[in-house]
Amino acid sequence: MDVIQELWQVPILMVTPGFVAGQVGEAAVDFHTREIQSHTAQERIYAAADKLRKRHHAAIKAAFMQSVTACRRDSPTRPIE
């Protein structure tokens, strides 16, 4: 928290089902209004996310497939009427 400007510095994370790849940016949020005052440029967020996606491709895919398998296992076998 930036005490002087009364801003929360909030990390922007790349998150997929079952896996947190890492931080891709940051946002400054006003302590009183809870409105975003500034954030990392969208182009930089996308570039950072692309690097993380490439670096962690296998782990992201494994976590996603595990999530899909769990959803299928937990879903009802008959259609909802």
C-alpha atoms as a PDB file:
ATOM      1  CA  MET A   1       0.000   0.000   0.000  1.00  0.00           C
ATOM      2  CA  ASP A   2       1.218   3.484  -0.875  1.00  0.00           C
ATOM      3  CA  VAL A   3       0.370   5.290   2.371  1.00  0.00           C
ATOM      4  CA  ILE A   4       1.043   8.797   1.016  1.00  0.00           C
ATOM      5  CA  GLN A   5      -1.239   8.475  -2.024  1.00  0.00           C
ATOM      6  CA  GLU A   6      -3.557   6.005  -0.270  1.00  0.00           C
ATOM      7  CA  LEU A   7      -3.337   3.453  -3.070  1.00  0.00           C
ATOM      8  CA  TRP A   8      -3.265  -0.325  -2.957  1.00  0.00           C
ATOM      9  CA  GLN A   9      -0.696  -1.817  -5.327  1.00  0.00           C
ATOM     10  CA  VAL A  10      -2.437  -4.967  -6.561  1.00  0.00           C
ATOM     11  CA  PRO A  11      -0.661  -7.617  -8.657  1.00  0.00           C
ATOM     12  CA  ILE A  12      -2.351  -8.788 -11.850  1.00  0.00           C
ATOM     13  CA  LEU A  13      -1.826 -12.534 -12.134  1.00  0.00           C
ATOM     14  CA  MET A  14      -2.141 -15.011 -14.967  1.00  0.00           C
ATOM     15  CA  VAL A  15      -4.291 -17.774 -13.488  1.00  0.00           C
ATOM     16  CA  THR A  16      -5.676 -20.877 -15.157  1.00  0.00           C
ATOM     17  CA  PRO A  17      -7.688 -23.699 -13.551  1.00  0.00           C
ATOM     18  CA  GLY A  18      -5.357 -25.257 -10.995  1.00  0.00           C
ATOM     19  CA  PHE A  19      -2.260 -23.187 -11.849  1.00  0.00           C
ATOM     20  CA  VAL A  20      -0.952 -19.695 -11.146  1.00  0.00           C
ATOM     21  CA  ALA A  21       1.618 -18.893 -13.841  1.00  0.00           C
ATOM     22  CA  GLY A  22       2.786 -15.591 -12.356  1.00  0.00           C
ATOM     23  CA  GLN A  23       2.428 -11.839 -12.305  1.00  0.00           C
ATOM     24  CA  VAL A  24       1.769 -10.039 -15.586  1.00  0.00           C
ATOM     25  CA  GLY A  25       1.209  -6.510 -14.296  1.00  0.00           C
ATOM     26  CA  GLU A  26       0.047  -4.303 -11.476  1.00  0.00           C
ATOM     27  CA  ALA A  27      -2.908  -2.040 -10.726  1.00  0.00           C
ATOM     28  CA  ALA A  28      -3.120   0.918  -8.354  1.00  0.00           C
ATOM     29  CA  VAL A  29      -6.478   0.992  -6.536  1.00  0.00           C
ATOM     30  CA  ASP A  30      -7.742   4.000  -4.564  1.00  0.00           C
ATOM     31  CA  PHE A  31      -8.042   3.063  -0.898  1.00  0.00           C
ATOM     32  CA  HIS A  32     -11.266   5.023  -0.372  1.00  0.00           C
ATOM     33  CA  THR A  33     -13.212   4.669  -3.633  1.00  0.00           C
ATOM     34  CA  ARG A  34     -11.794   1.243  -4.590  1.00  0.00           C
ATOM     35  CA  GLU A  35     -11.507   2.461  -8.178  1.00  0.00           C
ATOM     36  CA  ILE A  36      -8.538   1.569 -10.364  1.00  0.00           C
ATOM     37  CA  GLN A  37      -6.357   4.653 -10.734  1.00  0.00           C
ATOM     38  CA  SER A  38      -3.726   3.149 -13.042  1.00  0.00           C
ATOM     39  CA  HIS A  39      -2.530  -0.202 -14.325  1.00  0.00           C
ATOM     40  CA  THR A  40       0.106  -1.825 -16.463  1.00  0.00           C
ATOM     41  CA  ALA A  41      -0.459  -1.157 -20.159  1.00  0.00           C
ATOM     42  CA  GLN A  42      -2.608  -3.815 -21.831  1.00  0.00           C
ATOM     43  CA  GLU A  43       0.113  -4.575 -24.401  1.00  0.00           C
ATOM     44  CA  ARG A  44       2.627  -5.264 -21.618  1.00  0.00           C
ATOM     45  CA  ILE A  45       0.135  -7.502 -19.803  1.00  0.00           C
ATOM     46  CA  TYR A  46      -0.475  -9.540 -22.964  1.00  0.00           C
ATOM     47  CA  ALA A  47       3.259  -9.777 -23.691  1.00  0.00           C
ATOM     48  CA  ALA A  48       4.023 -10.954 -20.145  1.00  0.00           C
ATOM     49  CA  ALA A  49       1.145 -13.465 -20.274  1.00  0.00           C
ATOM     50  CA  ASP A  50       2.414 -14.832 -23.596  1.00  0.00           C
ATOM     51  CA  LYS A  51       5.898 -15.361 -22.131  1.00  0.00           C
ATOM     52  CA  LEU A  52       4.456 -17.129 -19.089  1.00  0.00           C
ATOM     53  CA  ARG A  53       2.170 -19.248 -21.270  1.00  0.00           C
ATOM     54  CA  LYS A  54       5.133 -20.401 -23.348  1.00  0.00           C
ATOM     55  CA  ARG A  55       7.328 -20.999 -20.287  1.00  0.00           C
ATOM     56  CA  HIS A  56       4.682 -22.974 -18.375  1.00  0.00           C
ATOM     57  CA  HIS A  57       2.793 -24.581 -21.266  1.00  0.00           C
ATOM     58  CA  ALA A  58       3.088 -28.169 -20.011  1.00  0.00           C
ATOM     59  CA  ALA A  59       2.072 -27.305 -16.433  1.00  0.00           C
ATOM     60  CA  ILE A  60      -0.867 -25.174 -17.625  1.00  0.00           C
ATOM     61  CA  LYS A  61      -2.096 -27.958 -19.916  1.00  0.00           C
ATOM     62  CA  ALA A  62      -1.748 -30.593 -17.173  1.00  0.00           C
ATOM     63  CA  ALA A  63      -3.632 -28.453 -14.638  1.00  0.00           C
ATOM     64  CA  PHE A  64      -6.369 -27.701 -17.167  1.00  0.00           C
ATOM     65  CA  MET A  65      -6.790 -31.367 -18.100  1.00  0.00           C
ATOM     66  CA  GLN A  66      -6.935 -32.323 -14.415  1.00  0.00           C
ATOM     67  CA  SER A  67      -9.662 -29.708 -13.913  1.00  0.00           C
ATOM     68  CA  VAL A  68     -11.653 -30.986 -16.901  1.00  0.00           C
ATOM     69  CA  THR A  69     -11.353 -34.562 -15.665  1.00  0.00           C
ATOM     70  CA  ALA A  70     -12.567 -33.545 -12.190  1.00  0.00           C
ATOM     71  CA  CYS A  71     -15.551 -31.682 -13.667  1.00  0.00           C
ATOM     72  CA  ARG A  72     -16.535 -34.674 -15.761  1.00  0.00           C
ATOM     73  CA  ARG A  73     -16.160 -37.011 -12.804  1.00  0.00           C
ATOM     74  CA  ASP A  74     -18.342 -34.790 -10.600  1.00  0.00           C
ATOM     75  CA  SER A  75     -21.068 -34.063 -13.167  1.00  0.00           C
ATOM     76  CA  PRO A  76     -24.332 -35.988 -13.208  1.00  0.00           C
ATOM     77  CA  THR A  77     -24.550 -38.737 -15.810  1.00  0.00           C
ATOM     78  CA  ARG A  78     -28.125 -37.968 -16.787  1.00  0.00           C
ATOM     79  CA  PRO A  79     -29.306 -34.746 -18.432  1.00  0.00           C
ATOM     80  CA  ILE A  80     -30.982 -32.102 -16.330  1.00  0.00           C
ATOM     81  CA  GLU A  81     -34.718 -31.931 -17.026  1.00  0.00           C
END
